[in-house]
Protein backbone atom coordinates (compact mmCIF):
# COMPACT_ATOMS: atom_id res chain seq x y z
CA MET A 1 1.60 24.60 -8.26
CA LEU A 2 1.07 24.43 -4.62
CA ALA A 3 -1.36 27.79 -4.62
CA PHE A 4 -3.68 25.31 -7.10
CA GLU A 5 -7.03 24.98 -5.71
CA GLN A 6 -8.87 22.05 -6.18
CA PRO A 7 -11.57 22.02 -8.27
CA THR A 8 -13.87 20.16 -6.16
CA THR A 9 -13.29 21.93 -2.98
CA GLY A 10 -11.64 25.12 -3.97
CA SER A 11 -8.96 24.70 -1.02
CA PRO A 12 -5.27 24.74 -2.10
CA ALA A 13 -3.66 21.73 -3.47
CA LEU A 14 -0.90 22.13 -0.28
CA VAL A 15 -4.19 22.01 2.45
CA LEU A 16 -4.54 18.33 0.76
CA LEU A 17 -1.04 17.27 0.20
CA SER A 18 -0.69 17.71 4.14
CA GLU A 19 -3.48 15.84 5.06
CA THR A 20 -2.64 12.98 2.70
CA ALA A 21 0.78 12.78 4.40
CA ARG A 22 -0.58 13.22 7.68
CA ARG A 23 -2.44 10.18 7.16
CA PRO A 24 -0.70 6.63 8.04
CA THR A 25 -1.05 4.11 5.64
CA MET A 26 -1.24 0.07 5.80
CA ARG A 27 1.57 -1.49 3.62
CA VAL A 28 0.57 -5.13 2.99
CA TRP A 29 3.08 -7.98 1.79
CA ALA A 30 1.91 -10.95 -0.50
CA GLU A 31 5.08 -12.98 0.51
CA GLN A 32 5.14 -16.42 -0.98
CA ALA A 33 2.45 -15.87 -3.61
CA ALA A 34 2.01 -17.91 -6.51
CA PHE A 35 4.31 -17.03 -9.52
CA GLN A 36 1.06 -17.41 -11.79
CA LEU A 37 -0.87 -14.44 -9.94
CA LYS A 38 1.42 -12.09 -10.23
CA ASP A 39 -1.12 -10.88 -12.96
CA SER A 40 -3.87 -10.16 -10.35
CA LEU A 41 -1.87 -8.76 -7.92
CA LYS A 42 -0.03 -6.41 -10.82
CA SER A 43 -3.95 -5.16 -11.99
CA ARG A 44 -5.17 -4.41 -7.86
CA GLY A 45 -1.65 -2.06 -7.87
CA TYR A 46 0.72 -4.45 -6.08
CA ARG A 47 4.25 -3.80 -6.29
CA TRP A 48 7.07 -6.16 -6.53
CA ASN A 49 10.18 -5.56 -3.99
CA ASP A 50 12.74 -7.67 -5.13
CA GLY A 51 14.46 -8.04 -2.04
CA SER A 52 17.83 -6.03 -2.60
CA ASP A 53 17.01 -2.91 0.01
CA GLY A 54 16.70 -5.98 3.31
CA ARG A 55 12.55 -5.70 2.83
CA PRO A 56 10.83 -9.38 1.54
CA LYS A 57 11.38 -10.16 -2.01
CA SER A 58 7.67 -10.02 -2.46
CA TRP A 59 4.38 -7.86 -3.80
CA PHE A 60 3.25 -5.51 -1.47
CA ILE A 61 0.67 -2.80 -1.56
CA ASP A 62 0.01 0.93 0.47
CA VAL A 63 -3.52 0.98 1.24
CA ASP A 64 -5.08 3.47 3.79
CA GLU A 65 -6.22 1.82 6.98
CA THR A 66 -10.08 1.62 5.86
CA ALA A 67 -9.32 -0.20 3.07
CA LEU A 68 -6.92 -2.93 5.53
CA GLU A 69 -9.64 -5.73 5.65
CA GLY A 70 -10.42 -5.38 2.37
CA GLU A 71 -7.05 -6.27 0.95
CA ILE A 72 -6.72 -8.71 3.54
CA ALA A 73 -9.67 -10.35 2.27
CA PHE A 74 -8.30 -10.59 -1.50
CA LEU A 75 -5.59 -11.91 -0.61
CA ARG A 76 -7.64 -14.51 1.52
CA THR A 77 -9.86 -15.51 -1.28
CA ASP A 78 -8.31 -14.79 -4.66
CA ILE A 79 -4.67 -15.22 -4.31
CA TYR A 80 -4.09 -17.52 -1.01
CA THR A 81 -7.60 -19.40 -1.33
CA ARG A 82 -7.34 -19.88 2.54
CA GLU A 83 -6.51 -17.82 5.34
CA VAL A 84 -3.73 -16.52 6.23
CA GLU A 85 -2.58 -12.98 8.31
CA PRO A 86 -0.53 -11.69 5.74
CA ALA A 87 2.40 -9.26 7.13
CA VAL A 88 1.44 -5.67 7.52
CA GLN A 89 3.30 -2.47 8.55
CA ARG A 90 1.81 0.75 9.86
CA LEU A 91 3.68 3.52 7.43
CA THR A 92 3.63 7.44 8.77
CA ALA A 93 5.09 10.35 7.49
CA PHE A 94 8.07 9.55 9.40
CA THR A 95 8.39 6.31 8.29
CA ARG A 96 6.99 6.02 4.26
CA PHE A 97 9.91 7.31 2.65
CA SER A 98 12.58 6.18 5.36
CA SER A 99 15.40 3.50 3.41
CA CYS A 100 14.81 2.03 7.47
CA VAL A 101 11.31 0.31 6.61
């Protein structure tokens, strides 16, 4: 499986996996979003966290750093309809799957 070559680039899948794992992502939290907007959040790719793990009881999404401003703009215009500063966490390969994040 790891020796599989990407049809578009010809590079091994392991190279793509390694590059993706090194790239940081941003976790954006849509805390206290109105319940009736859950379908908008779900259709955009947000996932629900029930709070049982110590993290906020809230919707969240992981995006590439380059997409962060667009995600915040979506929350401001479509979810909160006002200027907000949502909670954002920077995740790396070391923290992405840690139970401490």
